[in-house]
C-alpha atoms as a PDB file:
ATOM      1  CA  MET A   1     168.335 116.673 155.914  1.00  0.00           C
ATOM      2  CA  PRO A   2     169.299 112.979 155.235  1.00  0.00           C
ATOM      3  CA  PRO A   3     165.993 110.266 155.009  1.00  0.00           C
ATOM      4  CA  VAL A   4     165.391 108.062 157.604  1.00  0.00           C
ATOM      5  CA  GLY A   5     163.608 104.515 156.716  1.00  0.00           C
ATOM      6  CA  GLY A   6     161.617 106.540 154.068  1.00  0.00           C
ATOM      7  CA  LEU A   7     160.636 109.745 155.784  1.00  0.00           C
ATOM      8  CA  THR A   8     161.790 112.722 155.979  1.00  0.00           C
ATOM      9  CA  PHE A   9     161.578 114.218 159.369  1.00  0.00           C
ATOM     10  CA  MET A  10     162.237 117.643 160.158  1.00  0.00           C
ATOM     11  CA  THR A  11     164.485 118.838 162.757  1.00  0.00           C
ATOM     12  CA  GLU A  12     164.324 122.845 162.726  1.00  0.00           C
ATOM     13  CA  PRO A  13     162.749 124.243 165.964  1.00  0.00           C
ATOM     14  CA  ILE A  14     159.019 125.330 164.111  1.00  0.00           C
ATOM     15  CA  THR A  15     156.235 128.030 165.619  1.00  0.00           C
ATOM     16  CA  LYS A  16     152.582 126.845 164.614  1.00  0.00           C
ATOM     17  CA  ILE A  17     150.592 129.752 164.160  1.00  0.00           C
ATOM     18  CA  LEU A  18     146.702 129.451 163.810  1.00  0.00           C
ATOM     19  CA  PHE A  19     144.607 132.762 162.130  1.00  0.00           C
ATOM     20  CA  ILE A  20     141.202 132.818 162.219  1.00  0.00           C
ATOM     21  CA  GLY A  21     139.633 135.330 159.661  1.00  0.00           C
ATOM     22  CA  ASP A  22     136.814 138.362 160.061  1.00  0.00           C
ATOM     23  CA  ILE A  23     134.959 137.090 163.390  1.00  0.00           C
ATOM     24  CA  ILE A  24     130.989 138.536 162.391  1.00  0.00           C
ATOM     25  CA  GLY A  25     129.646 139.073 165.763  1.00  0.00           C
ATOM     26  CA  SER A  26     127.536 136.522 167.372  1.00  0.00           C
ATOM     27  CA  PRO A  27     127.456 133.980 165.275  1.00  0.00           C
ATOM     28  CA  GLY A  28     131.426 134.281 163.933  1.00  0.00           C
ATOM     29  CA  ARG A  29     131.917 133.993 167.774  1.00  0.00           C
ATOM     30  CA  GLU A  30     129.450 130.897 167.671  1.00  0.00           C
ATOM     31  CA  ALA A  31     131.430 129.278 165.422  1.00  0.00           C
ATOM     32  CA  VAL A  32     134.442 129.338 166.887  1.00  0.00           C
ATOM     33  CA  GLU A  33     132.946 128.369 170.074  1.00  0.00           C
ATOM     34  CA  ARG A  34     132.441 125.452 167.552  1.00  0.00           C
ATOM     35  CA  LEU A  35     135.061 124.872 166.313  1.00  0.00           C
ATOM     36  CA  LEU A  36     137.890 126.127 167.247  1.00  0.00           C
ATOM     37  CA  PRO A  37     139.155 122.900 169.809  1.00  0.00           C
ATOM     38  CA  GLY A  38     139.002 120.497 167.045  1.00  0.00           C
ATOM     39  CA  LEU A  39     141.749 122.202 164.877  1.00  0.00           C
ATOM     40  CA  ILE A  40     143.167 123.452 167.968  1.00  0.00           C
ATOM     41  CA  ARG A  41     143.501 119.435 168.416  1.00  0.00           C
ATOM     42  CA  GLN A  42     144.362 119.031 165.120  1.00  0.00           C
ATOM     43  CA  TYR A  43     146.955 121.496 164.689  1.00  0.00           C
ATOM     44  CA  GLN A  44     148.316 122.306 167.799  1.00  0.00           C
ATOM     45  CA  PRO A  45     149.195 126.093 167.457  1.00  0.00           C
ATOM     46  CA  ASP A  46     151.343 127.697 169.369  1.00  0.00           C
ATOM     47  CA  ILE A  47     149.596 130.777 169.104  1.00  0.00           C
ATOM     48  CA  VAL A  48     146.335 131.423 167.776  1.00  0.00           C
ATOM     49  CA  ILE A  49     145.451 135.126 166.081  1.00  0.00           C
ATOM     50  CA  ALA A  50     141.576 136.241 165.128  1.00  0.00           C
ATOM     51  CA  ASN A  51     140.935 139.139 163.548  1.00  0.00           C
ATOM     52  CA  GLY A  52     137.739 140.692 166.229  1.00  0.00           C
ATOM     53  CA  GLU A  53     136.845 143.860 164.376  1.00  0.00           C
ATOM     54  CA  ASN A  54     133.631 142.857 163.697  1.00  0.00           C
ATOM     55  CA  ALA A  55     132.625 140.135 166.306  1.00  0.00           C
ATOM     56  CA  ALA A  56     130.262 143.483 168.140  1.00  0.00           C
ATOM     57  CA  GLY A  57     127.322 142.938 165.881  1.00  0.00           C
ATOM     58  CA  GLY A  58     129.394 143.027 162.535  1.00  0.00           C
ATOM     59  CA  PHE A  59     130.525 146.401 163.430  1.00  0.00           C
ATOM     60  CA  GLY A  60     133.872 146.795 166.107  1.00  0.00           C
ATOM     61  CA  ILE A  61     134.852 145.222 168.657  1.00  0.00           C
ATOM     62  CA  THR A  62     133.595 145.856 172.606  1.00  0.00           C
ATOM     63  CA  PRO A  63     135.709 145.013 175.856  1.00  0.00           C
ATOM     64  CA  LYS A  64     134.020 142.196 177.203  1.00  0.00           C
ATOM     65  CA  ILE A  65     133.316 140.474 173.447  1.00  0.00           C
ATOM     66  CA  PHE A  66     137.156 140.474 173.606  1.00  0.00           C
ATOM     67  CA  ASP A  67     137.304 139.069 176.998  1.00  0.00           C
ATOM     68  CA  ASP A  68     135.183 136.725 175.731  1.00  0.00           C
ATOM     69  CA  LEU A  69     137.325 135.807 172.378  1.00  0.00           C
ATOM     70  CA  ARG A  70     140.339 134.896 174.596  1.00  0.00           C
ATOM     71  CA  ASP A  71     138.376 132.598 177.037  1.00  0.00           C
ATOM     72  CA  LEU A  72     137.574 131.025 173.676  1.00  0.00           C
ATOM     73  CA  ARG A  73     141.379 130.335 173.512  1.00  0.00           C
ATOM     74  CA  ILE A  74     142.347 132.609 171.009  1.00  0.00           C
ATOM     75  CA  ASP A  75     145.392 135.066 172.479  1.00  0.00           C
ATOM     76  CA  VAL A  76     145.389 138.058 170.141  1.00  0.00           C
ATOM     77  CA  VAL A  77     143.172 140.005 168.259  1.00  0.00           C
ATOM     78  CA  THR A  78     143.261 141.747 165.520  1.00  0.00           C
ATOM     79  CA  THR A  79     141.161 144.120 163.995  1.00  0.00           C
ATOM     80  CA  GLY A  80     140.762 146.844 160.907  1.00  0.00           C
ATOM     81  CA  ASN A  81     139.591 150.230 159.644  1.00  0.00           C
ATOM     82  CA  HIS A  82     135.745 149.429 162.512  1.00  0.00           C
ATOM     83  CA  ILE A  83     137.443 149.361 165.981  1.00  0.00           C
ATOM     84  CA  TRP A  84     135.401 152.395 166.771  1.00  0.00           C
ATOM     85  CA  ASP A  85     132.412 151.645 166.193  1.00  0.00           C
ATOM     86  CA  LYS A  86     132.406 150.488 169.806  1.00  0.00           C
ATOM     87  CA  LYS A  87     133.369 153.144 172.033  1.00  0.00           C
ATOM     88  CA  GLU A  88     133.571 151.574 175.152  1.00  0.00           C
ATOM     89  CA  ILE A  89     136.742 149.727 173.327  1.00  0.00           C
ATOM     90  CA  ILE A  90     138.622 153.021 172.793  1.00  0.00           C
ATOM     91  CA  GLU A  91     138.896 153.580 176.320  1.00  0.00           C
ATOM     92  CA  TYR A  92     139.966 149.617 177.157  1.00  0.00           C
ATOM     93  CA  LEU A  93     142.559 150.451 174.995  1.00  0.00           C
ATOM     94  CA  ARG A  94     144.563 153.409 176.018  1.00  0.00           C
ATOM     95  CA  LYS A  95     145.368 151.321 179.445  1.00  0.00           C
ATOM     96  CA  ASP A  96     147.340 149.880 176.306  1.00  0.00           C
ATOM     97  CA  GLU A  97     149.436 152.822 174.985  1.00  0.00           C
ATOM     98  CA  PHE A  98     152.509 152.709 177.967  1.00  0.00           C
ATOM     99  CA  ALA A  99     152.118 148.767 178.385  1.00  0.00           C
ATOM    100  CA  LYS A 100     154.905 146.875 177.952  1.00  0.00           C
ATOM    101  CA  LYS A 101     154.623 144.977 174.837  1.00  0.00           C
ATOM    102  CA  ASP A 102     154.250 141.595 175.390  1.00  0.00           C
ATOM    103  CA  GLU A 103     151.249 142.488 177.744  1.00  0.00           C
ATOM    104  CA  ILE A 104     148.653 143.620 174.727  1.00  0.00           C
ATOM    105  CA  ARG A 105     146.671 141.271 173.353  1.00  0.00           C
ATOM    106  CA  LEU A 106     144.348 143.865 171.173  1.00  0.00           C
ATOM    107  CA  ILE A 107     145.558 145.773 168.703  1.00  0.00           C
ATOM    108  CA  ARG A 108     144.959 148.647 166.647  1.00  0.00           C
ATOM    109  CA  PRO A 109     145.973 148.462 163.278  1.00  0.00           C
ATOM    110  CA  GLY A 110     149.520 150.420 162.961  1.00  0.00           C
ATOM    111  CA  ASN A 111     149.371 153.279 161.165  1.00  0.00           C
ATOM    112  CA  TYR A 112     147.207 154.970 163.053  1.00  0.00           C
ATOM    113  CA  PRO A 113     147.742 158.524 164.043  1.00  0.00           C
ATOM    114  CA  PRO A 114     150.133 158.676 167.032  1.00  0.00           C
ATOM    115  CA  ALA A 115     147.566 160.043 169.287  1.00  0.00           C
ATOM    116  CA  SER A 116     145.069 157.071 168.697  1.00  0.00           C
ATOM    117  CA  PRO A 117     144.646 154.994 171.917  1.00  0.00           C
ATOM    118  CA  GLY A 118     145.950 151.629 172.107  1.00  0.00           C
ATOM    119  CA  SER A 119     149.411 149.873 169.815  1.00  0.00           C
ATOM    120  CA  GLY A 120     149.411 148.588 166.312  1.00  0.00           C
ATOM    121  CA  TRP A 121     151.683 146.060 167.448  1.00  0.00           C
ATOM    122  CA  ALA A 122     152.026 143.347 169.628  1.00  0.00           C
ATOM    123  CA  VAL A 123     154.939 140.316 170.913  1.00  0.00           C
ATOM    124  CA  PHE A 124     152.979 137.002 172.634  1.00  0.00           C
ATOM    125  CA  THR A 125     155.782 133.962 173.836  1.00  0.00           C
ATOM    126  CA  THR A 126     154.874 131.025 173.414  1.00  0.00           C
ATOM    127  CA  ALA A 127     154.905 128.448 175.527  1.00  0.00           C
ATOM    128  CA  ALA A 128     158.063 126.995 174.669  1.00  0.00           C
ATOM    129  CA  GLY A 129     159.613 130.485 174.550  1.00  0.00           C
ATOM    130  CA  VAL A 130     159.756 131.437 171.324  1.00  0.00           C
ATOM    131  CA  LYS A 131     158.349 135.024 170.829  1.00  0.00           C
ATOM    132  CA  VAL A 132     155.729 136.085 167.782  1.00  0.00           C
ATOM    133  CA  GLY A 133     155.635 139.411 166.700  1.00  0.00           C
ATOM    134  CA  ILE A 134     152.594 140.258 165.675  1.00  0.00           C
ATOM    135  CA  MET A 135     151.687 143.583 163.795  1.00  0.00           C
ATOM    136  CA  ASN A 136     148.501 145.309 161.996  1.00  0.00           C
ATOM    137  CA  LEU A 137     147.758 147.444 159.642  1.00  0.00           C
ATOM    138  CA  SER A 138     145.196 149.223 157.850  1.00  0.00           C
ATOM    139  CA  GLY A 139     144.721 149.915 153.630  1.00  0.00           C
ATOM    140  CA  ARG A 140     144.231 153.289 152.278  1.00  0.00           C
ATOM    141  CA  VAL A 141     142.575 152.260 148.181  1.00  0.00           C
ATOM    142  CA  PHE A 142     138.547 152.255 148.915  1.00  0.00           C
ATOM    143  CA  MET A 143     139.622 152.995 152.995  1.00  0.00           C
ATOM    144  CA  ASP A 144     140.133 156.337 155.398  1.00  0.00           C
ATOM    145  CA  ALA A 145     142.331 158.187 154.654  1.00  0.00           C
ATOM    146  CA  ILE A 146     145.171 157.777 157.368  1.00  0.00           C
ATOM    147  CA  ASP A 147     148.990 157.260 157.670  1.00  0.00           C
ATOM    148  CA  CYS A 148     150.701 155.435 154.394  1.00  0.00           C
ATOM    149  CA  PRO A 149     150.558 151.368 156.140  1.00  0.00           C
ATOM    150  CA  PHE A 150     154.552 151.096 154.199  1.00  0.00           C
ATOM    151  CA  ARG A 151     155.925 153.638 156.175  1.00  0.00           C
ATOM    152  CA  ALA A 152     154.200 152.809 159.271  1.00  0.00           C
ATOM    153  CA  GLY A 153     154.619 148.988 158.754  1.00  0.00           C
ATOM    154  CA  ASP A 154     158.559 148.944 158.155  1.00  0.00           C
ATOM    155  CA  GLU A 155     159.318 150.649 161.174  1.00  0.00           C
ATOM    156  CA  ILE A 156     157.000 148.683 163.102  1.00  0.00           C
ATOM    157  CA  VAL A 157     158.715 145.468 161.749  1.00  0.00           C
ATOM    158  CA  LYS A 158     162.190 147.150 162.745  1.00  0.00           C
ATOM    159  CA  LYS A 159     161.052 147.462 166.273  1.00  0.00           C
ATOM    160  CA  ILE A 160     160.101 144.034 166.190  1.00  0.00           C
ATOM    161  CA  ARG A 161     162.732 142.097 165.171  1.00  0.00           C
ATOM    162  CA  GLN A 162     165.307 143.442 167.399  1.00  0.00           C
ATOM    163  CA  GLU A 163     163.546 140.933 169.715  1.00  0.00           C
ATOM    164  CA  THR A 164     162.555 137.891 167.713  1.00  0.00           C
ATOM    165  CA  PRO A 165     161.899 137.271 163.841  1.00  0.00           C
ATOM    166  CA  VAL A 166     159.086 134.989 163.751  1.00  0.00           C
ATOM    167  CA  ILE A 167     156.169 137.790 162.670  1.00  0.00           C
ATOM    168  CA  PHE A 168     152.613 138.067 161.767  1.00  0.00           C
ATOM    169  CA  LEU A 169     151.157 141.009 160.124  1.00  0.00           C
ATOM    170  CA  ASP A 170     147.452 142.394 159.258  1.00  0.00           C
ATOM    171  CA  MET A 171     146.989 143.644 156.312  1.00  0.00           C
ATOM    172  CA  HIS A 172     143.082 145.380 155.966  1.00  0.00           C
ATOM    173  CA  ALA A 173     142.660 145.864 152.962  1.00  0.00           C
ATOM    174  CA  GLU A 174     139.923 146.510 150.385  1.00  0.00           C
ATOM    175  CA  THR A 175     141.862 145.691 147.360  1.00  0.00           C
ATOM    176  CA  THR A 176     143.987 142.563 146.650  1.00  0.00           C
ATOM    177  CA  SER A 177     146.770 145.171 143.896  1.00  0.00           C
ATOM    178  CA  GLU A 178     147.446 147.007 147.779  1.00  0.00           C
ATOM    179  CA  LYS A 179     147.701 142.771 149.946  1.00  0.00           C
ATOM    180  CA  ALA A 180     149.486 141.840 147.371  1.00  0.00           C
ATOM    181  CA  ALA A 181     151.896 144.373 147.032  1.00  0.00           C
ATOM    182  CA  MET A 182     152.180 144.548 151.068  1.00  0.00           C
ATOM    183  CA  GLY A 183     153.123 140.530 150.450  1.00  0.00           C
ATOM    184  CA  TRP A 184     156.064 141.825 147.891  1.00  0.00           C
ATOM    185  CA  PHE A 185     157.539 144.730 150.019  1.00  0.00           C
ATOM    186  CA  MET A 186     157.180 142.960 153.481  1.00  0.00           C
ATOM    187  CA  ASP A 187     158.542 139.135 152.140  1.00  0.00           C
ATOM    188  CA  GLY A 188     162.348 138.440 153.548  1.00  0.00           C
ATOM    189  CA  ARG A 189     161.147 140.748 156.619  1.00  0.00           C
ATOM    190  CA  VAL A 190     158.237 139.313 158.105  1.00  0.00           C
ATOM    191  CA  SER A 191     156.939 134.899 158.562  1.00  0.00           C
ATOM    192  CA  ALA A 192     153.540 136.243 157.269  1.00  0.00           C
ATOM    193  CA  VAL A 193     151.433 138.812 156.030  1.00  0.00           C
ATOM    194  CA  VAL A 194     147.857 137.490 155.645  1.00  0.00           C
ATOM    195  CA  GLY A 195     145.054 140.001 154.529  1.00  0.00           C
ATOM    196  CA  THR A 196     142.098 140.754 155.579  1.00  0.00           C
ATOM    197  CA  HIS A 197     138.107 142.866 155.106  1.00  0.00           C
ATOM    198  CA  THR A 198     136.858 142.051 151.935  1.00  0.00           C
ATOM    199  CA  HIS A 199     135.321 138.227 153.549  1.00  0.00           C
ATOM    200  CA  VAL A 200     135.687 136.292 150.464  1.00  0.00           C
ATOM    201  CA  GLN A 201     138.461 133.669 151.496  1.00  0.00           C
ATOM    202  CA  THR A 202     140.863 134.027 147.971  1.00  0.00           C
ATOM    203  CA  SER A 203     142.660 130.833 147.023  1.00  0.00           C
ATOM    204  CA  ASP A 204     146.147 132.325 146.801  1.00  0.00           C
ATOM    205  CA  GLU A 205     148.191 131.419 149.859  1.00  0.00           C
ATOM    206  CA  ARG A 206     152.349 130.632 149.084  1.00  0.00           C
ATOM    207  CA  ILE A 207     154.973 130.787 150.059  1.00  0.00           C
ATOM    208  CA  LEU A 208     156.899 134.340 148.882  1.00  0.00           C
ATOM    209  CA  ALA A 209     160.482 133.828 147.195  1.00  0.00           C
ATOM    210  CA  ASN A 210     162.254 134.917 149.940  1.00  0.00           C
ATOM    211  CA  GLY A 211     160.024 132.511 152.711  1.00  0.00           C
ATOM    212  CA  THR A 212     156.737 135.830 153.377  1.00  0.00           C
ATOM    213  CA  ALA A 213     154.195 133.088 153.576  1.00  0.00           C
ATOM    214  CA  PHE A 214     150.833 135.280 151.701  1.00  0.00           C
ATOM    215  CA  ILE A 215     146.917 134.846 151.425  1.00  0.00           C
ATOM    216  CA  THR A 216     145.183 137.683 149.731  1.00  0.00           C
ATOM    217  CA  ASP A 217     142.610 137.599 151.936  1.00  0.00           C
ATOM    218  CA  ALA A 218     141.825 134.405 154.996  1.00  0.00           C
ATOM    219  CA  GLY A 219     138.537 134.429 154.759  1.00  0.00           C
ATOM    220  CA  MET A 220     135.644 135.376 157.700  1.00  0.00           C
ATOM    221  CA  THR A 221     133.656 133.126 160.492  1.00  0.00           C
ATOM    222  CA  GLY A 222     130.378 133.413 160.888  1.00  0.00           C
ATOM    223  CA  PRO A 223     127.585 133.196 158.778  1.00  0.00           C
ATOM    224  CA  ALA A 224     128.537 131.786 154.520  1.00  0.00           C
ATOM    225  CA  ASP A 225     124.382 132.528 153.755  1.00  0.00           C
ATOM    226  CA  SER A 226     124.752 136.328 153.900  1.00  0.00           C
ATOM    227  CA  VAL A 227     126.416 138.981 151.925  1.00  0.00           C
ATOM    228  CA  ILE A 228     130.171 138.903 153.156  1.00  0.00           C
ATOM    229  CA  GLY A 229     128.215 138.082 156.455  1.00  0.00           C
ATOM    230  CA  MET A 230     125.175 140.559 155.961  1.00  0.00           C
ATOM    231  CA  LYS A 231     122.228 139.388 155.367  1.00  0.00           C
ATOM    232  CA  LYS A 232     121.231 138.719 151.755  1.00  0.00           C
ATOM    233  CA  GLU A 233     117.951 140.154 151.204  1.00  0.00           C
ATOM    234  CA  ILE A 234     118.958 143.323 152.920  1.00  0.00           C
ATOM    235  CA  ILE A 235     121.443 143.608 151.365  1.00  0.00           C
ATOM    236  CA  ILE A 236     119.911 143.419 147.487  1.00  0.00           C
ATOM    237  CA  ASP A 237     117.521 145.620 148.957  1.00  0.00           C
ATOM    238  CA  THR A 238     119.972 148.220 149.228  1.00  0.00           C
ATOM    239  CA  PHE A 239     120.901 147.678 145.617  1.00  0.00           C
ATOM    240  CA  VAL A 240     117.687 147.591 144.143  1.00  0.00           C
ATOM    241  CA  ALA A 241     116.096 150.268 145.769  1.00  0.00           C
ATOM    242  CA  LYS A 242     119.671 152.332 146.682  1.00  0.00           C
ATOM    243  CA  MET A 243     117.992 153.054 149.895  1.00  0.00           C
ATOM    244  CA  PRO A 244     119.426 153.196 152.972  1.00  0.00           C
ATOM    245  CA  THR A 245     119.227 150.885 155.424  1.00  0.00           C
ATOM    246  CA  ARG A 246     120.765 148.672 158.389  1.00  0.00           C
ATOM    247  CA  PHE A 247     122.494 146.211 158.564  1.00  0.00           C
ATOM    248  CA  GLU A 248     121.565 142.833 160.359  1.00  0.00           C
ATOM    249  CA  VAL A 249     124.356 140.166 160.986  1.00  0.00           C
ATOM    250  CA  ALA A 250     122.858 136.910 158.920  1.00  0.00           C
ATOM    251  CA  THR A 251     122.484 133.529 161.081  1.00  0.00           C
ATOM    252  CA  ASP A 252     122.694 130.543 158.267  1.00  0.00           C
ATOM    253  CA  GLY A 253     126.089 128.109 157.237  1.00  0.00           C
ATOM    254  CA  LEU A 254     128.271 128.849 160.277  1.00  0.00           C
ATOM    255  CA  GLU A 255     131.958 128.611 158.865  1.00  0.00           C
ATOM    256  CA  LEU A 256     135.362 128.986 160.358  1.00  0.00           C
ATOM    257  CA  GLN A 257     138.044 130.528 157.570  1.00  0.00           C
ATOM    258  CA  GLY A 258     141.283 131.514 158.152  1.00  0.00           C
ATOM    259  CA  VAL A 259     144.633 130.108 157.710  1.00  0.00           C
ATOM    260  CA  PHE A 260     147.296 127.878 159.403  1.00  0.00           C
ATOM    261  CA  ILE A 261     151.299 128.629 159.343  1.00  0.00           C
ATOM    262  CA  VAL A 262     153.970 126.483 160.189  1.00  0.00           C
ATOM    263  CA  VAL A 263     157.614 129.035 160.654  1.00  0.00           C
ATOM    264  CA  ASN A 264     161.276 128.469 161.296  1.00  0.00           C
ATOM    265  CA  SER A 265     161.939 129.764 164.504  1.00  0.00           C
ATOM    266  CA  LEU A 266     165.461 130.733 163.950  1.00  0.00           C
ATOM    267  CA  ASP A 267     164.807 132.881 161.116  1.00  0.00           C
ATOM    268  CA  GLY A 268     161.195 133.954 160.463  1.00  0.00           C
ATOM    269  CA  LYS A 269     161.137 132.096 157.797  1.00  0.00           C
ATOM    270  CA  ALA A 270     157.756 130.350 156.345  1.00  0.00           C
ATOM    271  CA  LYS A 271     157.784 126.330 155.624  1.00  0.00           C
ATOM    272  CA  LYS A 272     153.741 126.603 154.850  1.00  0.00           C
ATOM    273  CA  ILE A 273     151.011 127.806 154.516  1.00  0.00           C
ATOM    274  CA  GLU A 274     147.340 126.060 154.165  1.00  0.00           C
ATOM    275  CA  ARG A 275     143.719 127.056 154.625  1.00  0.00           C
ATOM    276  CA  ILE A 276     140.804 126.618 156.443  1.00  0.00           C
ATOM    277  CA  ARG A 277     137.773 126.865 155.631  1.00  0.00           C
ATOM    278  CA  LEU A 278     135.658 124.279 158.202  1.00  0.00           C
ATOM    279  CA  LYS A 279     131.415 123.992 158.130  1.00  0.00           C
ATOM    280  CA  ALA A 280     129.550 124.198 161.774  1.00  0.00           C
ATOM    281  CA  GLY A 281     127.625 120.560 161.633  1.00  0.00           C
END
């Protein structure tokens, strides 16, 4: 497009996605409560997505905590391998098994067996009327032996693209190689592949060759003065003594980590990806 008065104006319709990395226990929820309003004012996202699989005491999520996250203006919550840690979430997810995809706001990995409660994808309609597909997959390397995320993801993408080209994928996996492979596998078919699970934000954000925004890990939201969210003294003792210990969520150095992504609403191609890392106070 031609510059006007030295400035270039973006004319294509865009959809702005704000994603919050793994929320760790009550400290993570506190960080969201304190920092998300400012991020919404700054970025004016059309949709806010967060990974909430560690939101309940560091392991799992409960119906009440999910509702609390929604009250904090998070539109859709993704999860991962800790989705079943709080058993009360099982019946909560069963109601979504036969729900319309545009009514689902809490999703579990889509490559879990078909008998698993809940859904691995959802569709959210923004205030501007743009449909955004959100999907969740879990890796298999050093994790549970579940269905292939590549085959399952391929089938989910085909379904979502019948409704919209704007698709966000939370790839919840342990290894950088599996997440990077998923990025390239989905390049051009989804708008973004954002890694979660390792709780360490990476600096490799980029837009791949065919228009998919990618980052290996969006990071975590919660206590940064920790070992991936847990009290560092307990984790150090675990490594030194090699004795089983009960992990506890740390409380100090609250941060919100994640990414902001801008997508062309018509073709689903990413225009921008920006890392976010904010301290609470």
